[in-house]
N, C-alpha and C. Protein backbone atom coordinates (compact mmCIF):
# COMPACT_ATOMS: atom_id res chain seq x y z
N MET A 1 7.53 -65.91 -46.18
CA MET A 1 8.33 -64.74 -45.69
C MET A 1 7.33 -63.48 -45.70
N ILE A 2 7.56 -62.55 -44.83
CA ILE A 2 6.48 -61.30 -44.62
C ILE A 2 7.43 -60.23 -44.76
N VAL A 3 7.15 -59.23 -45.77
CA VAL A 3 7.95 -58.02 -45.88
C VAL A 3 7.29 -56.88 -45.25
N VAL A 4 7.92 -56.15 -44.71
CA VAL A 4 7.47 -54.77 -44.09
C VAL A 4 8.68 -53.38 -44.47
N GLU A 5 7.87 -52.39 -44.42
CA GLU A 5 8.97 -51.23 -44.83
C GLU A 5 10.00 -51.11 -43.34
N SER A 6 9.70 -51.28 -42.28
CA SER A 6 10.31 -51.05 -40.90
C SER A 6 10.13 -52.30 -40.20
N LEU A 7 11.01 -53.10 -39.93
CA LEU A 7 11.00 -54.13 -38.94
C LEU A 7 10.51 -53.48 -37.50
N GLU A 8 11.27 -52.78 -37.06
CA GLU A 8 11.27 -52.06 -35.78
C GLU A 8 9.92 -51.35 -35.60
N GLN A 9 9.18 -50.72 -36.57
CA GLN A 9 8.09 -50.19 -36.75
C GLN A 9 6.76 -51.48 -36.64
N ALA A 10 7.05 -52.25 -37.44
CA ALA A 10 6.10 -53.56 -37.60
C ALA A 10 6.10 -54.42 -36.21
N GLU A 11 7.07 -54.43 -35.32
CA GLU A 11 7.32 -55.14 -34.24
C GLU A 11 6.39 -54.37 -33.19
N LYS A 12 5.96 -53.25 -33.47
CA LYS A 12 5.54 -52.15 -32.40
C LYS A 12 3.90 -52.11 -32.94
N GLU A 13 3.72 -51.75 -34.00
CA GLU A 13 2.49 -51.23 -34.67
C GLU A 13 1.65 -52.22 -35.51
N VAL A 14 2.01 -53.23 -36.16
CA VAL A 14 1.12 -53.75 -36.96
C VAL A 14 0.28 -55.08 -36.19
N GLY A 15 -0.85 -54.49 -35.94
CA GLY A 15 -2.03 -55.12 -35.16
C GLY A 15 -2.04 -56.51 -35.65
N ASP A 16 -2.34 -56.47 -36.82
CA ASP A 16 -2.75 -58.05 -37.46
C ASP A 16 -1.64 -58.88 -37.29
N LEU A 17 -0.34 -58.50 -37.39
CA LEU A 17 0.61 -59.45 -37.25
C LEU A 17 0.69 -59.71 -35.61
N LEU A 18 0.63 -58.73 -34.62
CA LEU A 18 0.94 -58.93 -33.23
C LEU A 18 -0.25 -59.66 -32.70
N ALA A 19 -1.48 -59.70 -33.57
CA ALA A 19 -2.56 -60.32 -32.86
C ALA A 19 -2.79 -61.91 -33.25
N ALA A 20 -2.02 -62.36 -34.24
CA ALA A 20 -2.05 -63.71 -34.82
C ALA A 20 -1.60 -64.48 -34.12
N ALA A 21 -2.33 -65.61 -34.09
CA ALA A 21 -2.04 -66.64 -33.12
C ALA A 21 -0.52 -67.29 -32.75
N PRO A 22 -0.21 -67.39 -31.61
CA PRO A 22 1.36 -67.91 -31.38
C PRO A 22 1.75 -68.71 -32.28
N GLY A 23 2.73 -68.64 -32.94
CA GLY A 23 3.47 -69.45 -33.89
C GLY A 23 3.21 -69.32 -35.47
N VAL A 24 2.18 -68.52 -35.55
CA VAL A 24 1.66 -68.16 -36.89
C VAL A 24 2.55 -67.09 -37.41
N VAL A 25 3.06 -66.12 -36.88
CA VAL A 25 3.96 -65.10 -37.24
C VAL A 25 5.45 -65.67 -36.67
N ASP A 26 6.35 -65.83 -37.69
CA ASP A 26 7.62 -66.15 -37.18
C ASP A 26 8.43 -65.13 -37.65
N TRP A 27 8.92 -64.30 -36.61
CA TRP A 27 9.59 -62.70 -36.88
C TRP A 27 10.93 -63.09 -37.11
N SER A 28 11.52 -64.39 -37.28
CA SER A 28 12.84 -64.56 -37.94
C SER A 28 12.75 -64.42 -39.63
N ASN A 29 11.27 -64.61 -39.80
CA ASN A 29 11.11 -64.57 -41.34
C ASN A 29 10.57 -63.11 -41.96
N VAL A 30 10.51 -62.22 -41.09
CA VAL A 30 9.83 -60.93 -41.36
C VAL A 30 11.01 -60.14 -41.61
N VAL A 31 11.19 -59.55 -42.99
CA VAL A 31 12.17 -58.67 -43.52
C VAL A 31 11.76 -57.45 -43.92
N GLU A 32 12.68 -56.43 -43.92
CA GLU A 32 12.48 -55.29 -44.46
C GLU A 32 12.66 -55.04 -45.95
N LEU A 33 11.53 -54.39 -46.38
CA LEU A 33 11.49 -53.98 -48.03
C LEU A 33 12.89 -53.66 -48.66
N GLY A 34 13.66 -52.81 -47.64
CA GLY A 34 14.87 -52.33 -48.25
C GLY A 34 15.86 -53.51 -48.50
N ASP A 35 16.01 -54.61 -47.66
CA ASP A 35 16.59 -55.88 -47.70
C ASP A 35 16.27 -56.63 -48.80
N VAL A 36 15.04 -56.49 -49.33
CA VAL A 36 14.58 -57.58 -50.47
C VAL A 36 15.16 -56.66 -51.77
N ILE A 37 14.90 -55.46 -51.89
CA ILE A 37 15.42 -54.64 -53.01
C ILE A 37 16.84 -54.59 -53.10
N ALA A 38 17.48 -54.17 -51.99
CA ALA A 38 18.94 -53.91 -52.09
C ALA A 38 19.66 -55.16 -52.19
N ASN A 39 19.31 -56.25 -51.25
CA ASN A 39 20.17 -57.45 -51.14
C ASN A 39 19.55 -58.72 -51.75
N GLY A 40 18.55 -58.83 -52.51
CA GLY A 40 17.93 -59.83 -53.11
C GLY A 40 17.54 -60.81 -52.13
N VAL A 41 17.04 -60.51 -50.94
CA VAL A 41 16.39 -61.22 -49.91
C VAL A 41 15.66 -62.38 -50.55
N ALA A 42 14.50 -61.84 -51.36
CA ALA A 42 13.27 -62.89 -51.82
C ALA A 42 13.86 -63.90 -52.76
N GLN A 43 14.97 -63.82 -53.32
CA GLN A 43 15.37 -64.47 -54.22
C GLN A 43 16.06 -65.70 -53.74
N GLU A 44 16.25 -65.74 -52.50
CA GLU A 44 16.68 -67.02 -51.69
C GLU A 44 15.56 -67.96 -51.37
N GLN A 45 14.35 -67.56 -51.68
CA GLN A 45 12.94 -68.41 -51.62
C GLN A 45 12.66 -69.34 -52.89
N ALA A 46 12.03 -70.30 -52.36
CA ALA A 46 11.81 -71.24 -53.34
C ALA A 46 10.47 -70.41 -54.35
N GLN A 47 10.46 -70.89 -55.55
CA GLN A 47 9.36 -70.52 -56.26
C GLN A 47 7.87 -70.63 -55.77
N SER A 48 7.82 -71.48 -54.91
CA SER A 48 6.53 -72.16 -54.59
C SER A 48 6.18 -71.46 -53.14
N ASP A 49 7.34 -70.64 -52.74
CA ASP A 49 7.01 -69.96 -51.38
C ASP A 49 5.96 -68.83 -51.51
N ILE A 50 5.34 -68.40 -50.35
CA ILE A 50 4.50 -67.27 -50.58
C ILE A 50 5.14 -66.17 -50.03
N THR A 51 5.11 -65.07 -50.50
CA THR A 51 5.74 -63.57 -49.84
C THR A 51 4.58 -62.86 -49.52
N VAL A 52 4.46 -62.35 -48.17
CA VAL A 52 3.18 -61.18 -48.07
C VAL A 52 3.87 -59.82 -47.86
N PHE A 53 3.44 -58.82 -48.34
CA PHE A 53 3.93 -57.36 -48.00
C PHE A 53 2.83 -57.05 -47.10
N LYS A 54 3.19 -56.56 -46.12
CA LYS A 54 2.55 -55.85 -45.06
C LYS A 54 2.87 -54.21 -45.04
N SER A 55 2.01 -53.36 -45.77
CA SER A 55 2.53 -52.14 -45.73
C SER A 55 2.02 -51.40 -44.36
N LEU A 56 3.12 -50.48 -44.05
CA LEU A 56 2.75 -49.82 -42.99
C LEU A 56 2.45 -48.37 -43.11
N GLY A 57 2.21 -48.15 -44.34
CA GLY A 57 1.76 -46.54 -44.67
C GLY A 57 2.96 -45.48 -44.85
N ILE A 58 3.99 -46.21 -45.56
CA ILE A 58 5.09 -45.49 -45.87
C ILE A 58 4.96 -45.29 -47.45
N ALA A 59 4.26 -44.29 -48.01
CA ALA A 59 3.97 -44.41 -49.71
C ALA A 59 5.14 -44.50 -50.40
N LEU A 60 6.34 -44.26 -50.16
CA LEU A 60 7.55 -44.20 -51.03
C LEU A 60 7.82 -45.76 -51.10
N ALA A 61 7.68 -46.68 -50.07
CA ALA A 61 7.87 -48.02 -49.99
C ALA A 61 6.69 -48.96 -50.84
N ASP A 62 5.75 -48.31 -50.96
CA ASP A 62 4.60 -48.89 -51.87
C ASP A 62 4.98 -48.79 -53.26
N VAL A 63 5.63 -47.49 -53.73
CA VAL A 63 5.84 -47.39 -55.08
C VAL A 63 6.93 -48.26 -55.49
N ALA A 64 7.94 -48.43 -54.53
CA ALA A 64 9.09 -49.14 -54.82
C ALA A 64 8.74 -50.46 -54.84
N LEU A 65 7.88 -51.07 -54.06
CA LEU A 65 7.34 -52.67 -54.06
C LEU A 65 6.69 -52.83 -55.47
N GLY A 66 5.79 -51.72 -55.84
CA GLY A 66 5.24 -51.96 -57.02
C GLY A 66 6.04 -51.91 -58.44
N GLU A 67 7.00 -51.24 -58.38
CA GLU A 67 7.96 -51.32 -59.41
C GLU A 67 8.72 -52.64 -59.33
N LEU A 68 9.22 -53.07 -58.25
CA LEU A 68 10.02 -54.31 -57.91
C LEU A 68 9.13 -55.55 -58.61
N VAL A 69 7.97 -55.61 -58.04
CA VAL A 69 6.91 -56.70 -58.54
C VAL A 69 6.56 -56.62 -60.11
N THR A 70 6.50 -55.33 -60.59
CA THR A 70 6.34 -55.35 -62.06
C THR A 70 7.60 -55.84 -62.96
N ARG A 71 8.64 -55.44 -62.34
CA ARG A 71 9.73 -55.79 -62.99
C ARG A 71 10.06 -57.47 -62.96
N ARG A 72 9.57 -57.93 -61.77
CA ARG A 72 9.72 -59.38 -61.65
C ARG A 72 9.10 -60.33 -62.60
N ALA A 73 7.66 -59.64 -62.58
CA ALA A 73 6.73 -60.04 -63.27
C ALA A 73 7.03 -60.04 -64.79
N ILE A 74 7.53 -59.00 -65.21
CA ILE A 74 7.67 -59.22 -66.73
C ILE A 74 8.99 -60.02 -66.90
N ALA A 75 9.84 -60.13 -66.21
CA ALA A 75 11.07 -61.01 -66.28
C ALA A 75 10.66 -62.37 -66.50
N ALA A 76 9.67 -62.95 -65.72
CA ALA A 76 9.09 -64.18 -65.29
C ALA A 76 8.45 -64.54 -66.50
N VAL A 77 7.47 -63.62 -67.19
CA VAL A 77 7.01 -63.66 -68.51
C VAL A 77 7.74 -63.72 -69.54
N GLU A 78 8.84 -63.16 -69.55
CA GLU A 78 9.83 -63.13 -70.60
C GLU A 78 10.54 -64.44 -70.91
N SER A 79 10.88 -64.99 -69.54
CA SER A 79 11.82 -65.95 -69.49
C SER A 79 10.83 -67.27 -69.58
N GLY A 80 9.61 -67.10 -69.66
CA GLY A 80 8.71 -68.31 -69.73
C GLY A 80 8.45 -69.17 -68.45
N ARG A 81 8.74 -68.28 -67.46
CA ARG A 81 8.42 -68.79 -66.05
C ARG A 81 7.27 -68.57 -65.57
N GLY A 82 6.35 -67.58 -66.29
CA GLY A 82 5.26 -67.05 -65.56
C GLY A 82 4.25 -66.78 -67.00
N SER A 83 2.98 -66.32 -66.37
CA SER A 83 2.05 -65.99 -67.27
C SER A 83 1.03 -64.51 -66.98
N VAL A 84 0.59 -64.21 -67.78
CA VAL A 84 -0.23 -62.72 -67.29
C VAL A 84 -1.73 -63.28 -67.29
N ALA A 85 -2.46 -63.16 -66.04
CA ALA A 85 -3.81 -63.39 -66.20
C ALA A 85 -4.65 -62.14 -66.38
N VAL A 86 -5.40 -62.25 -67.28
CA VAL A 86 -6.31 -61.16 -68.00
C VAL A 86 -7.47 -61.21 -67.24
N PRO A 87 -8.10 -60.37 -66.40
CA PRO A 87 -9.41 -60.35 -65.80
C PRO A 87 -10.67 -60.47 -66.74
């Protein structure tokens, strides 16, 4: 799954997604960050699935995503489903 701040903006302006080889980016799997946060879209994924966030330059979305990732990481560690890697 690929997460973007704005699907409409991504379809027009995200060069690396638009330049990907045909079939690499499945636009039906590209979702808006708001749907992930408000509707739990990412929770529908298997734990082994990979989610990529493609920032379009909307700073507020970057802050919201950082907070979401931090909360989920803490919850995973506290439940025993995750661990913390220390560099």
